[in-house]
């Protein structure tokens, strides 16, 4: 499991805040249902609380939803998503454009669409 700390856009009068993007979660099929994933997720949740993250977000596979729901994750509704495929492809061909494109976003697009 990996967690990317994502800083929220600053706002006047609001303290600095961040959230966590949880990704790369995988347990070998032969090792599932033995507690390793739950233990690791518990460690990450404790770390996120110590870091004072506002929330953790994960886009699980269909089979993993129940695992995350057992750990307290909820489905409050899907966010609105605009896939900028053409802009992203152009940015990948032009490294300078990629840097500018990513700096304008609230999360790291270099990992969002790869």
N, C-alpha and C. Protein backbone atom coordinates (compact mmCIF):
# COMPACT_ATOMS: atom_id res chain seq x y z
N UNK A 1 0.85 -1.18 0.00
CA UNK A 1 0.00 0.00 0.00
C UNK A 1 0.88 1.23 0.00
N UNK A 2 0.44 2.23 -0.72
CA UNK A 2 1.13 3.51 -0.76
C UNK A 2 0.13 4.61 -0.44
N UNK A 3 0.62 5.67 0.19
CA UNK A 3 -0.22 6.83 0.45
C UNK A 3 0.49 8.06 -0.06
N UNK A 4 -0.22 8.85 -0.82
CA UNK A 4 0.31 10.12 -1.29
C UNK A 4 -0.40 11.23 -0.52
N UNK A 5 0.36 12.06 0.16
CA UNK A 5 -0.20 13.19 0.89
C UNK A 5 -0.45 14.31 -0.11
N UNK A 6 -1.68 14.77 -0.18
CA UNK A 6 -2.08 15.79 -1.16
C UNK A 6 -2.52 17.04 -0.40
N UNK A 7 -1.81 18.14 -0.62
CA UNK A 7 -2.14 19.39 0.07
C UNK A 7 -3.32 20.06 -0.60
N UNK A 8 -4.25 20.50 0.22
CA UNK A 8 -5.40 21.23 -0.30
C UNK A 8 -4.97 22.63 -0.71
N UNK A 9 -5.73 23.22 -1.60
CA UNK A 9 -5.46 24.57 -2.05
C UNK A 9 -5.64 25.52 -0.86
N UNK A 10 -4.66 26.39 -0.60
CA UNK A 10 -4.78 27.31 0.54
C UNK A 10 -5.99 28.22 0.41
N UNK A 11 -6.55 28.57 1.56
CA UNK A 11 -7.69 29.49 1.59
C UNK A 11 -7.50 30.44 2.77
N UNK A 12 -7.87 31.70 2.60
CA UNK A 12 -7.72 32.66 3.69
C UNK A 12 -8.48 32.21 4.93
N UNK A 13 -7.84 32.28 6.07
CA UNK A 13 -8.48 31.95 7.33
C UNK A 13 -8.61 30.46 7.62
N UNK A 14 -8.16 29.63 6.71
CA UNK A 14 -8.22 28.19 6.94
C UNK A 14 -6.82 27.66 7.14
N UNK A 15 -6.62 26.87 8.16
CA UNK A 15 -5.27 26.31 8.36
C UNK A 15 -4.90 25.37 7.21
N UNK A 16 -3.60 25.19 7.04
CA UNK A 16 -3.11 24.29 6.01
C UNK A 16 -3.71 22.89 6.23
N UNK A 17 -4.15 22.25 5.16
CA UNK A 17 -4.79 20.95 5.30
C UNK A 17 -4.37 20.03 4.16
N UNK A 18 -4.48 18.73 4.40
CA UNK A 18 -4.13 17.74 3.39
C UNK A 18 -5.04 16.53 3.53
N UNK A 19 -5.06 15.73 2.49
CA UNK A 19 -5.77 14.46 2.50
C UNK A 19 -4.82 13.41 1.94
N UNK A 20 -5.19 12.13 2.06
CA UNK A 20 -4.33 11.06 1.59
C UNK A 20 -4.97 10.27 0.49
N UNK A 21 -4.19 9.97 -0.54
CA UNK A 21 -4.63 9.13 -1.65
C UNK A 21 -3.96 7.78 -1.49
N UNK A 22 -4.75 6.77 -1.17
CA UNK A 22 -4.27 5.42 -0.93
C UNK A 22 -4.29 4.64 -2.24
N UNK A 23 -3.17 4.02 -2.58
CA UNK A 23 -3.08 3.30 -3.85
C UNK A 23 -2.12 2.12 -3.71
N UNK A 24 -1.97 1.36 -4.77
CA UNK A 24 -1.05 0.22 -4.83
C UNK A 24 -1.30 -0.80 -3.73
N UNK A 25 -2.56 -1.07 -3.46
CA UNK A 25 -2.92 -2.06 -2.45
C UNK A 25 -3.08 -3.43 -3.10
N UNK A 26 -2.31 -4.38 -2.63
CA UNK A 26 -2.41 -5.72 -3.20
C UNK A 26 -1.87 -6.74 -2.20
N UNK A 27 -2.60 -7.82 -2.06
CA UNK A 27 -2.16 -8.96 -1.25
C UNK A 27 -2.23 -10.18 -2.16
N UNK A 28 -1.19 -10.98 -2.15
CA UNK A 28 -1.18 -12.20 -2.96
C UNK A 28 -2.40 -13.05 -2.62
N UNK A 29 -3.01 -13.66 -3.61
CA UNK A 29 -4.20 -14.47 -3.35
C UNK A 29 -3.99 -15.52 -2.25
N UNK A 30 -2.81 -16.12 -2.21
CA UNK A 30 -2.55 -17.16 -1.20
C UNK A 30 -2.42 -16.59 0.21
N UNK A 31 -2.25 -15.27 0.33
CA UNK A 31 -2.06 -14.64 1.64
C UNK A 31 -3.28 -13.86 2.10
N UNK A 32 -4.33 -13.85 1.31
CA UNK A 32 -5.54 -13.10 1.67
C UNK A 32 -6.28 -13.76 2.82
N UNK A 33 -7.05 -12.95 3.53
CA UNK A 33 -7.86 -13.41 4.67
C UNK A 33 -7.02 -13.92 5.82
N UNK A 34 -5.79 -13.41 5.93
CA UNK A 34 -4.91 -13.78 7.05
C UNK A 34 -4.58 -12.57 7.92
N UNK A 35 -5.14 -11.40 7.57
CA UNK A 35 -4.96 -10.22 8.40
C UNK A 35 -3.86 -9.27 7.98
N UNK A 36 -3.05 -9.63 7.00
CA UNK A 36 -1.94 -8.75 6.60
C UNK A 36 -2.45 -7.43 6.04
N UNK A 37 -3.43 -7.48 5.16
CA UNK A 37 -3.98 -6.26 4.58
C UNK A 37 -4.64 -5.39 5.63
N UNK A 38 -5.38 -5.99 6.53
CA UNK A 38 -6.05 -5.24 7.59
C UNK A 38 -5.03 -4.58 8.52
N UNK A 39 -3.97 -5.32 8.87
CA UNK A 39 -2.93 -4.76 9.73
C UNK A 39 -2.24 -3.58 9.06
N UNK A 40 -1.92 -3.74 7.80
CA UNK A 40 -1.25 -2.65 7.07
C UNK A 40 -2.17 -1.44 6.95
N UNK A 41 -3.44 -1.67 6.65
CA UNK A 41 -4.39 -0.56 6.55
C UNK A 41 -4.56 0.14 7.89
N UNK A 42 -4.58 -0.62 8.98
CA UNK A 42 -4.68 -0.02 10.32
C UNK A 42 -3.46 0.87 10.58
N UNK A 43 -2.29 0.41 10.19
CA UNK A 43 -1.07 1.22 10.35
C UNK A 43 -1.19 2.52 9.56
N UNK A 44 -1.66 2.43 8.33
CA UNK A 44 -1.81 3.62 7.48
C UNK A 44 -2.84 4.57 8.08
N UNK A 45 -3.95 4.05 8.58
CA UNK A 45 -4.96 4.92 9.20
C UNK A 45 -4.39 5.63 10.42
N UNK A 46 -3.60 4.94 11.22
CA UNK A 46 -2.97 5.57 12.39
C UNK A 46 -1.99 6.65 11.96
N UNK A 47 -1.20 6.36 10.94
CA UNK A 47 -0.26 7.35 10.41
C UNK A 47 -1.02 8.58 9.91
N UNK A 48 -2.11 8.36 9.18
CA UNK A 48 -2.89 9.47 8.63
C UNK A 48 -3.45 10.35 9.75
N UNK A 49 -3.88 9.75 10.84
CA UNK A 49 -4.38 10.53 11.98
C UNK A 49 -3.26 11.35 12.61
N UNK A 50 -2.08 10.74 12.76
CA UNK A 50 -0.94 11.48 13.32
C UNK A 50 -0.54 12.66 12.42
N UNK A 51 -0.68 12.46 11.12
CA UNK A 51 -0.37 13.52 10.15
C UNK A 51 -1.49 14.55 10.04
N UNK A 52 -2.58 14.30 10.75
CA UNK A 52 -3.76 15.18 10.74
C UNK A 52 -4.35 15.34 9.33
N UNK A 53 -4.35 14.24 8.57
CA UNK A 53 -4.98 14.27 7.26
C UNK A 53 -6.49 14.36 7.44
N UNK A 54 -7.12 15.09 6.56
CA UNK A 54 -8.57 15.28 6.64
C UNK A 54 -9.31 14.00 6.31
N UNK A 55 -8.81 13.24 5.34
CA UNK A 55 -9.46 12.01 4.92
C UNK A 55 -8.49 11.17 4.10
N UNK A 56 -8.85 9.92 3.90
CA UNK A 56 -8.14 9.02 2.99
C UNK A 56 -9.10 8.66 1.86
N UNK A 57 -8.59 8.64 0.65
CA UNK A 57 -9.40 8.29 -0.52
C UNK A 57 -8.75 7.10 -1.20
N UNK A 58 -9.58 6.15 -1.64
CA UNK A 58 -9.09 5.01 -2.41
C UNK A 58 -10.12 4.69 -3.49
N UNK A 59 -9.63 4.29 -4.65
CA UNK A 59 -10.49 3.82 -5.73
C UNK A 59 -10.25 2.32 -5.84
N UNK A 60 -10.99 1.52 -5.06
CA UNK A 60 -10.72 0.09 -5.03
C UNK A 60 -11.29 -0.65 -6.23
N UNK A 61 -10.78 -1.85 -6.43
CA UNK A 61 -11.38 -2.74 -7.42
C UNK A 61 -12.74 -3.17 -6.88
N UNK A 62 -13.56 -3.70 -7.75
CA UNK A 62 -14.89 -4.14 -7.32
C UNK A 62 -14.79 -5.14 -6.18
N UNK A 63 -13.81 -6.04 -6.24
CA UNK A 63 -13.67 -7.07 -5.23
C UNK A 63 -13.18 -6.52 -3.89
N UNK A 64 -12.54 -5.34 -3.89
CA UNK A 64 -11.94 -4.81 -2.67
C UNK A 64 -12.86 -3.87 -1.89
N UNK A 65 -14.02 -3.51 -2.43
CA UNK A 65 -14.91 -2.58 -1.73
C UNK A 65 -15.24 -3.07 -0.32
N UNK A 66 -15.56 -4.33 -0.18
CA UNK A 66 -15.96 -4.85 1.13
C UNK A 66 -14.81 -4.75 2.14
N UNK A 67 -13.58 -4.97 1.68
CA UNK A 67 -12.40 -4.86 2.55
C UNK A 67 -12.32 -3.45 3.14
N UNK A 68 -12.44 -2.43 2.29
CA UNK A 68 -12.35 -1.05 2.75
C UNK A 68 -13.55 -0.63 3.59
N UNK A 69 -14.73 -1.11 3.23
CA UNK A 69 -15.92 -0.80 4.02
C UNK A 69 -15.81 -1.38 5.43
N UNK A 70 -15.25 -2.59 5.56
CA UNK A 70 -15.04 -3.18 6.89
C UNK A 70 -14.09 -2.33 7.72
N UNK A 71 -13.20 -1.60 7.05
CA UNK A 71 -12.22 -0.76 7.74
C UNK A 71 -12.74 0.65 8.00
N UNK A 72 -14.02 0.92 7.66
CA UNK A 72 -14.62 2.21 7.96
C UNK A 72 -14.75 3.16 6.79
N UNK A 73 -14.27 2.78 5.61
CA UNK A 73 -14.43 3.64 4.44
C UNK A 73 -15.89 3.63 4.02
N UNK A 74 -16.35 4.77 3.50
CA UNK A 74 -17.75 4.91 3.08
C UNK A 74 -17.80 5.37 1.63
N UNK A 75 -18.95 5.16 1.01
CA UNK A 75 -19.18 5.62 -0.36
C UNK A 75 -20.13 6.81 -0.33
N UNK A 76 -19.61 8.02 -0.11
CA UNK A 76 -20.50 9.17 -0.02
C UNK A 76 -21.02 9.63 -1.37
N UNK A 77 -20.59 9.03 -2.43
CA UNK A 77 -20.96 9.45 -3.78
C UNK A 77 -19.70 9.69 -4.59
N UNK A 78 -19.79 9.46 -5.84
CA UNK A 78 -18.61 9.63 -6.69
C UNK A 78 -18.37 11.10 -6.99
N UNK A 79 -17.09 11.47 -7.06
CA UNK A 79 -16.81 12.85 -7.46
C UNK A 79 -17.07 13.02 -8.96
N UNK A 80 -17.22 14.25 -9.38
CA UNK A 80 -17.30 14.53 -10.80
C UNK A 80 -15.88 14.48 -11.36
N UNK A 81 -15.71 13.81 -12.48
CA UNK A 81 -14.38 13.63 -13.07
C UNK A 81 -14.41 14.10 -14.51
N UNK A 82 -13.42 14.86 -14.89
CA UNK A 82 -13.23 15.29 -16.27
C UNK A 82 -11.88 14.74 -16.70
N UNK A 83 -11.89 13.74 -17.56
CA UNK A 83 -10.63 13.18 -18.06
C UNK A 83 -10.13 14.06 -19.19
N UNK A 84 -8.95 14.57 -19.01
CA UNK A 84 -8.35 15.49 -19.98
C UNK A 84 -7.35 14.73 -20.85
N UNK A 85 -7.85 13.72 -21.53
CA UNK A 85 -6.98 12.80 -22.26
C UNK A 85 -6.08 13.51 -23.25
N UNK A 86 -6.61 14.35 -24.08
CA UNK A 86 -5.78 15.02 -25.08
C UNK A 86 -4.73 15.92 -24.44
N UNK A 87 -5.14 16.69 -23.41
CA UNK A 87 -4.19 17.55 -22.72
C UNK A 87 -3.11 16.72 -22.04
N UNK A 88 -3.51 15.59 -21.46
CA UNK A 88 -2.54 14.74 -20.77
C UNK A 88 -1.54 14.14 -21.75
N UNK A 89 -2.01 13.67 -22.90
CA UNK A 89 -1.10 13.10 -23.89
C UNK A 89 -0.12 14.16 -24.38
N UNK A 90 -0.62 15.36 -24.59
CA UNK A 90 0.26 16.46 -25.02
C UNK A 90 1.29 16.75 -23.94
N UNK A 91 0.88 16.75 -22.69
CA UNK A 91 1.80 17.03 -21.59
C UNK A 91 2.88 15.96 -21.49
N UNK A 92 2.54 14.72 -21.74
CA UNK A 92 3.54 13.64 -21.67
C UNK A 92 4.58 13.79 -22.77
N UNK A 93 4.19 14.36 -23.91
CA UNK A 93 5.15 14.56 -25.01
C UNK A 93 6.02 15.78 -24.79
N UNK A 94 5.56 16.71 -23.96
CA UNK A 94 6.27 17.95 -23.73
C UNK A 94 6.53 18.10 -22.23
N UNK A 95 7.74 17.73 -21.73
CA UNK A 95 7.99 17.77 -20.28
C UNK A 95 7.73 19.12 -19.64
N UNK A 96 8.04 20.24 -20.33
CA UNK A 96 7.78 21.56 -19.75
C UNK A 96 6.28 21.75 -19.52
N UNK A 97 5.48 21.35 -20.51
CA UNK A 97 4.03 21.44 -20.38
C UNK A 97 3.55 20.57 -19.22
N UNK A 98 4.14 19.39 -19.05
CA UNK A 98 3.75 18.49 -17.96
C UNK A 98 3.93 19.16 -16.61
N UNK A 99 5.04 19.83 -16.41
CA UNK A 99 5.30 20.50 -15.14
C UNK A 99 4.25 21.57 -14.87
N UNK A 100 3.98 22.39 -15.85
CA UNK A 100 2.98 23.46 -15.68
C UNK A 100 1.60 22.85 -15.44
N UNK A 101 1.25 21.85 -16.23
CA UNK A 101 -0.05 21.20 -16.11
C UNK A 101 -0.25 20.63 -14.71
N UNK A 102 0.77 19.96 -14.17
CA UNK A 102 0.66 19.35 -12.85
C UNK A 102 0.63 20.39 -11.74
N UNK A 103 1.35 21.49 -11.90
CA UNK A 103 1.36 22.52 -10.87
C UNK A 103 -0.01 23.18 -10.73
N UNK A 104 -0.81 23.16 -11.77
CA UNK A 104 -2.13 23.78 -11.73
C UNK A 104 -3.17 22.89 -11.07
N UNK A 105 -2.84 21.63 -10.84
CA UNK A 105 -3.81 20.69 -10.30
C UNK A 105 -3.62 20.49 -8.81
N UNK A 106 -4.68 20.03 -8.14
CA UNK A 106 -4.61 19.82 -6.71
C UNK A 106 -4.05 18.44 -6.37
N UNK A 107 -3.73 17.63 -7.36
CA UNK A 107 -3.09 16.34 -7.11
C UNK A 107 -2.12 16.05 -8.24
N UNK A 108 -1.29 15.06 -8.06
CA UNK A 108 -0.21 14.77 -8.96
C UNK A 108 -0.72 13.99 -10.17
N UNK A 109 -0.88 14.66 -11.30
CA UNK A 109 -1.38 14.00 -12.50
C UNK A 109 -0.39 13.02 -13.10
N UNK A 110 0.87 13.12 -12.70
CA UNK A 110 1.86 12.19 -13.24
C UNK A 110 1.53 10.76 -12.84
N UNK A 111 0.82 10.57 -11.74
CA UNK A 111 0.45 9.22 -11.33
C UNK A 111 -1.04 8.96 -11.52
N UNK A 112 -1.83 9.98 -11.78
CA UNK A 112 -3.29 9.80 -11.85
C UNK A 112 -3.74 9.03 -13.09
N UNK A 113 -3.05 9.17 -14.21
CA UNK A 113 -3.50 8.55 -15.45
C UNK A 113 -2.50 7.56 -16.03
N UNK A 114 -1.43 7.27 -15.33
CA UNK A 114 -0.42 6.35 -15.86
C UNK A 114 -0.86 4.93 -15.57
